[in-house]
Amino acid sequence: MTKPLKTTLALAVLVASATLTSAGEVYSTRCQQDRAALSCTMTRFEADSGPRVISVPHDDSPEREDRVRAWLEFCRPEPAADMYGVERLQYAHEGCEFGRTR
């Protein structure tokens, strides 16, 4: 297969993917060519209708405040830069990053 023909086929796949798109669908086409062959892959995705809103109940209870206070007193989180300069929290006790309180 000649190079102009391969290029024409790749363009045809791209145009076809654009015309097949309907509401709620997204198509992604990727073509790769080496010396011997041209390979194209088209993937269809369901498009999101927008951002998802997840409501999380707000807990202002005294019990929650006590749990947070106990965790802070036990774990004593301190910011520290790692070897790449990214600031991370370090804890006084192992397991605090998973919510351990004693």
N, C-alpha and C. Protein backbone atom coordinates (compact mmCIF):
# COMPACT_ATOMS: atom_id res chain seq x y z
N MET A 1 0.85 -1.17 0.00
CA MET A 1 0.00 0.00 0.00
C MET A 1 0.89 1.24 0.00
N THR A 2 0.55 2.19 -0.81
CA THR A 2 1.39 3.39 -0.92
C THR A 2 1.09 4.35 0.22
N LYS A 3 2.05 5.22 0.46
CA LYS A 3 1.92 6.17 1.56
C LYS A 3 0.72 7.11 1.38
N PRO A 4 0.48 7.68 0.16
CA PRO A 4 -0.70 8.54 0.01
C PRO A 4 -2.01 7.79 0.28
N LEU A 5 -2.07 6.51 -0.10
CA LEU A 5 -3.27 5.74 0.13
C LEU A 5 -3.48 5.50 1.63
N LYS A 6 -2.39 5.22 2.34
CA LYS A 6 -2.48 5.02 3.79
C LYS A 6 -2.96 6.30 4.48
N THR A 7 -2.43 7.42 4.05
CA THR A 7 -2.83 8.70 4.62
C THR A 7 -4.30 8.97 4.34
N THR A 8 -4.75 8.67 3.13
CA THR A 8 -6.14 8.87 2.76
C THR A 8 -7.05 7.99 3.62
N LEU A 9 -6.65 6.74 3.85
CA LEU A 9 -7.43 5.84 4.69
C LEU A 9 -7.51 6.35 6.13
N ALA A 10 -6.39 6.84 6.63
CA ALA A 10 -6.37 7.38 8.00
C ALA A 10 -7.32 8.57 8.11
N LEU A 11 -7.29 9.45 7.11
CA LEU A 11 -8.19 10.60 7.12
C LEU A 11 -9.65 10.16 7.03
N ALA A 12 -9.92 9.13 6.24
CA ALA A 12 -11.29 8.62 6.11
C ALA A 12 -11.80 8.10 7.45
N VAL A 13 -10.93 7.41 8.19
CA VAL A 13 -11.33 6.91 9.51
C VAL A 13 -11.63 8.07 10.45
N LEU A 14 -10.82 9.11 10.39
CA LEU A 14 -11.05 10.27 11.25
C LEU A 14 -12.36 10.96 10.91
N VAL A 15 -12.65 11.13 9.62
CA VAL A 15 -13.90 11.77 9.20
C VAL A 15 -15.09 10.90 9.60
N ALA A 16 -14.97 9.59 9.41
CA ALA A 16 -16.05 8.68 9.78
C ALA A 16 -16.34 8.75 11.27
N SER A 17 -15.29 8.85 12.07
CA SER A 17 -15.50 8.92 13.52
C SER A 17 -16.21 10.21 13.90
N ALA A 18 -15.93 11.28 13.20
CA ALA A 18 -16.59 12.55 13.49
C ALA A 18 -18.06 12.51 13.08
N THR A 19 -18.38 11.81 11.98
CA THR A 19 -19.77 11.78 11.53
C THR A 19 -20.61 10.79 12.32
N LEU A 20 -20.00 9.81 12.97
CA LEU A 20 -20.75 8.82 13.73
C LEU A 20 -21.15 9.32 15.11
N THR A 21 -20.61 10.42 15.53
CA THR A 21 -20.86 10.92 16.88
C THR A 21 -22.30 11.37 17.01
N SER A 22 -22.97 10.91 18.05
CA SER A 22 -24.33 11.35 18.35
C SER A 22 -24.35 11.86 19.78
N ALA A 23 -25.50 12.34 20.20
CA ALA A 23 -25.62 12.90 21.55
C ALA A 23 -25.25 11.84 22.58
N GLY A 24 -24.40 12.20 23.53
CA GLY A 24 -24.02 11.30 24.59
C GLY A 24 -22.88 10.36 24.26
N GLU A 25 -22.34 10.46 23.07
CA GLU A 25 -21.24 9.59 22.68
C GLU A 25 -20.04 10.41 22.23
N VAL A 26 -18.86 9.93 22.57
CA VAL A 26 -17.62 10.57 22.14
C VAL A 26 -16.76 9.48 21.52
N TYR A 27 -16.22 9.76 20.34
CA TYR A 27 -15.34 8.82 19.68
C TYR A 27 -13.92 9.35 19.68
N SER A 28 -12.99 8.46 19.91
CA SER A 28 -11.57 8.82 19.87
C SER A 28 -10.89 7.91 18.86
N THR A 29 -10.19 8.50 17.91
CA THR A 29 -9.50 7.72 16.89
C THR A 29 -8.02 7.99 16.97
N ARG A 30 -7.25 6.93 16.91
CA ARG A 30 -5.79 7.05 16.96
C ARG A 30 -5.21 6.18 15.86
N CYS A 31 -4.40 6.78 15.00
CA CYS A 31 -3.75 6.05 13.93
C CYS A 31 -2.24 6.10 14.14
N GLN A 32 -1.61 4.98 13.86
CA GLN A 32 -0.16 4.89 14.00
C GLN A 32 0.38 4.17 12.77
N GLN A 33 1.44 4.71 12.21
CA GLN A 33 2.01 4.14 11.00
C GLN A 33 3.49 3.88 11.21
N ASP A 34 3.91 2.70 10.79
CA ASP A 34 5.34 2.43 10.75
C ASP A 34 5.68 2.12 9.30
N ARG A 35 6.85 1.57 9.04
CA ARG A 35 7.26 1.33 7.66
C ARG A 35 6.36 0.36 6.92
N ALA A 36 5.83 -0.63 7.61
CA ALA A 36 5.10 -1.69 6.94
C ALA A 36 3.58 -1.57 7.02
N ALA A 37 3.06 -0.92 8.03
CA ALA A 37 1.61 -0.97 8.20
C ALA A 37 1.07 0.31 8.81
N LEU A 38 -0.23 0.49 8.58
CA LEU A 38 -0.99 1.58 9.19
C LEU A 38 -2.04 0.94 10.07
N SER A 39 -2.13 1.35 11.31
CA SER A 39 -3.09 0.78 12.24
C SER A 39 -3.89 1.90 12.87
N CYS A 40 -5.21 1.79 12.80
CA CYS A 40 -6.08 2.79 13.42
C CYS A 40 -7.00 2.11 14.42
N THR A 41 -7.24 2.79 15.53
CA THR A 41 -8.13 2.29 16.57
C THR A 41 -9.15 3.38 16.87
N MET A 42 -10.42 2.98 16.91
CA MET A 42 -11.47 3.93 17.26
C MET A 42 -12.14 3.42 18.53
N THR A 43 -12.28 4.29 19.52
CA THR A 43 -12.88 3.93 20.80
C THR A 43 -14.09 4.81 21.04
N ARG A 44 -15.18 4.20 21.50
CA ARG A 44 -16.40 4.96 21.79
C ARG A 44 -16.57 5.07 23.29
N PHE A 45 -16.85 6.28 23.76
CA PHE A 45 -17.07 6.55 25.17
C PHE A 45 -18.47 7.14 25.34
N GLU A 46 -19.07 6.86 26.47
CA GLU A 46 -20.32 7.54 26.83
C GLU A 46 -19.93 8.88 27.44
N ALA A 47 -20.49 9.95 26.92
CA ALA A 47 -20.15 11.28 27.42
C ALA A 47 -20.96 11.57 28.68
N ASP A 48 -20.34 12.24 29.61
CA ASP A 48 -21.03 12.67 30.82
C ASP A 48 -21.95 13.82 30.49
N SER A 49 -23.04 13.91 31.22
CA SER A 49 -23.95 15.03 31.02
C SER A 49 -23.47 16.27 31.75
N GLY A 50 -22.45 16.13 32.55
CA GLY A 50 -21.93 17.27 33.29
C GLY A 50 -21.31 16.79 34.58
N PRO A 51 -20.91 17.71 35.42
CA PRO A 51 -20.30 17.31 36.68
C PRO A 51 -21.31 16.63 37.58
N ARG A 52 -20.83 15.64 38.30
CA ARG A 52 -21.69 14.94 39.25
C ARG A 52 -21.61 15.65 40.60
N VAL A 53 -22.75 15.86 41.18
CA VAL A 53 -22.80 16.50 42.49
C VAL A 53 -23.13 15.42 43.51
N ILE A 54 -22.24 15.24 44.45
CA ILE A 54 -22.45 14.26 45.50
C ILE A 54 -22.63 15.01 46.79
N SER A 55 -23.76 14.81 47.41
CA SER A 55 -24.00 15.52 48.66
C SER A 55 -23.47 14.68 49.82
N VAL A 56 -22.69 15.32 50.63
CA VAL A 56 -22.13 14.69 51.83
C VAL A 56 -22.74 15.39 53.02
N PRO A 57 -23.36 14.63 53.89
CA PRO A 57 -23.98 15.28 55.04
C PRO A 57 -22.93 15.97 55.91
N HIS A 58 -23.25 17.18 56.32
CA HIS A 58 -22.34 17.95 57.16
C HIS A 58 -22.57 17.55 58.61
N ASP A 59 -21.50 17.15 59.27
CA ASP A 59 -21.61 16.66 60.65
C ASP A 59 -20.94 17.66 61.59
N ASP A 60 -21.75 18.42 62.31
CA ASP A 60 -21.24 19.37 63.30
C ASP A 60 -21.44 18.86 64.71
N SER A 61 -21.66 17.57 64.84
CA SER A 61 -21.98 17.03 66.16
C SER A 61 -20.79 17.13 67.10
N PRO A 62 -21.06 17.22 68.39
CA PRO A 62 -19.98 17.26 69.38
C PRO A 62 -19.14 15.98 69.36
N GLU A 63 -19.78 14.84 68.99
CA GLU A 63 -19.02 13.58 68.92
C GLU A 63 -17.95 13.65 67.84
N ARG A 64 -18.31 14.25 66.71
CA ARG A 64 -17.33 14.38 65.62
C ARG A 64 -16.19 15.30 66.05
N GLU A 65 -16.52 16.39 66.68
CA GLU A 65 -15.49 17.31 67.16
C GLU A 65 -14.56 16.62 68.15
N ASP A 66 -15.12 15.76 69.00
CA ASP A 66 -14.29 15.00 69.94
C ASP A 66 -13.37 14.03 69.21
N ARG A 67 -13.90 13.36 68.16
CA ARG A 67 -13.07 12.42 67.38
C ARG A 67 -11.93 13.15 66.69
N VAL A 68 -12.22 14.31 66.09
CA VAL A 68 -11.19 15.09 65.41
C VAL A 68 -10.14 15.56 66.41
N ARG A 69 -10.59 16.05 67.54
CA ARG A 69 -9.65 16.52 68.57
C ARG A 69 -8.76 15.37 69.07
N ALA A 70 -9.34 14.19 69.28
CA ALA A 70 -8.56 13.03 69.74
C ALA A 70 -7.54 12.62 68.69
N TRP A 71 -7.95 12.66 67.41
CA TRP A 71 -7.03 12.30 66.34
C TRP A 71 -5.87 13.29 66.27
N LEU A 72 -6.17 14.58 66.35
CA LEU A 72 -5.12 15.60 66.30
C LEU A 72 -4.15 15.47 67.46
N GLU A 73 -4.66 15.20 68.66
CA GLU A 73 -3.79 15.06 69.83
C GLU A 73 -2.92 13.81 69.73
N PHE A 74 -3.47 12.72 69.22
CA PHE A 74 -2.72 11.48 69.12
C PHE A 74 -1.73 11.49 67.95
N CYS A 75 -2.17 11.95 66.80
CA CYS A 75 -1.35 11.84 65.59
C CYS A 75 -0.42 13.03 65.37
N ARG A 76 -0.78 14.19 65.85
CA ARG A 76 0.03 15.40 65.70
C ARG A 76 0.60 15.55 64.27
N PRO A 77 -0.27 15.76 63.27
CA PRO A 77 0.21 15.89 61.89
C PRO A 77 1.07 17.14 61.71
N GLU A 78 2.20 16.97 61.05
CA GLU A 78 3.13 18.07 60.76
C GLU A 78 3.50 18.04 59.28
N PRO A 79 3.43 19.18 58.59
CA PRO A 79 3.84 19.20 57.18
C PRO A 79 5.36 19.11 57.07
N ALA A 80 5.81 18.32 56.08
CA ALA A 80 7.24 18.18 55.82
C ALA A 80 7.43 17.91 54.33
N ALA A 81 8.46 18.49 53.74
CA ALA A 81 8.73 18.29 52.32
C ALA A 81 9.45 16.96 52.11
N ASP A 82 9.00 16.21 51.10
CA ASP A 82 9.68 14.95 50.79
C ASP A 82 10.89 15.24 49.90
N MET A 83 11.54 14.20 49.40
CA MET A 83 12.78 14.39 48.63
C MET A 83 12.55 15.11 47.29
N TYR A 84 11.28 15.22 46.85
CA TYR A 84 10.97 15.92 45.60
C TYR A 84 10.44 17.33 45.86
N GLY A 85 10.37 17.72 47.12
CA GLY A 85 9.89 19.05 47.47
C GLY A 85 8.38 19.12 47.64
N VAL A 86 7.70 17.98 47.58
CA VAL A 86 6.25 17.95 47.76
C VAL A 86 5.96 17.91 49.26
N GLU A 87 5.10 18.81 49.70
CA GLU A 87 4.79 18.86 51.13
C GLU A 87 3.76 17.78 51.47
N ARG A 88 4.10 16.96 52.45
CA ARG A 88 3.24 15.87 52.90
C ARG A 88 3.14 15.93 54.42
N LEU A 89 2.11 15.31 54.94
CA LEU A 89 1.96 15.28 56.40
C LEU A 89 2.71 14.09 56.97
N GLN A 90 3.39 14.34 58.08
CA GLN A 90 4.02 13.27 58.84
C GLN A 90 3.31 13.18 60.17
N TYR A 91 3.18 11.94 60.67
CA TYR A 91 2.40 11.71 61.88
C TYR A 91 3.27 11.15 62.98
N ALA A 92 2.85 11.37 64.22
CA ALA A 92 3.59 10.89 65.38
C ALA A 92 3.49 9.37 65.52
N HIS A 93 2.42 8.76 64.99
CA HIS A 93 2.21 7.32 65.13
C HIS A 93 1.85 6.70 63.78
N GLU A 94 2.25 5.46 63.60
CA GLU A 94 1.94 4.73 62.38
C GLU A 94 0.43 4.46 62.30
N GLY A 95 -0.13 4.57 61.11
CA GLY A 95 -1.55 4.30 60.91
C GLY A 95 -2.44 5.52 60.97
N CYS A 96 -1.89 6.66 61.35
CA CYS A 96 -2.71 7.87 61.46
C CYS A 96 -3.24 8.33 60.11
N GLU A 97 -2.52 8.05 59.03
CA GLU A 97 -3.00 8.45 57.70
C GLU A 97 -4.25 7.67 57.31
N PHE A 98 -4.54 6.58 58.03
CA PHE A 98 -5.73 5.78 57.78
C PHE A 98 -6.82 6.01 58.81
N GLY A 99 -6.63 6.98 59.70
CA GLY A 99 -7.65 7.31 60.68
C GLY A 99 -7.45 6.74 62.06
N ARG A 100 -6.30 6.12 62.31
CA ARG A 100 -6.04 5.56 63.64
C ARG A 100 -6.07 6.67 64.68
N THR A 101 -6.70 6.39 65.81
CA THR A 101 -6.80 7.42 66.86
C THR A 101 -6.18 6.97 68.18
N ARG A 102 -5.68 5.72 68.29
CA ARG A 102 -5.00 5.28 69.51
C ARG A 102 -4.12 4.10 69.24
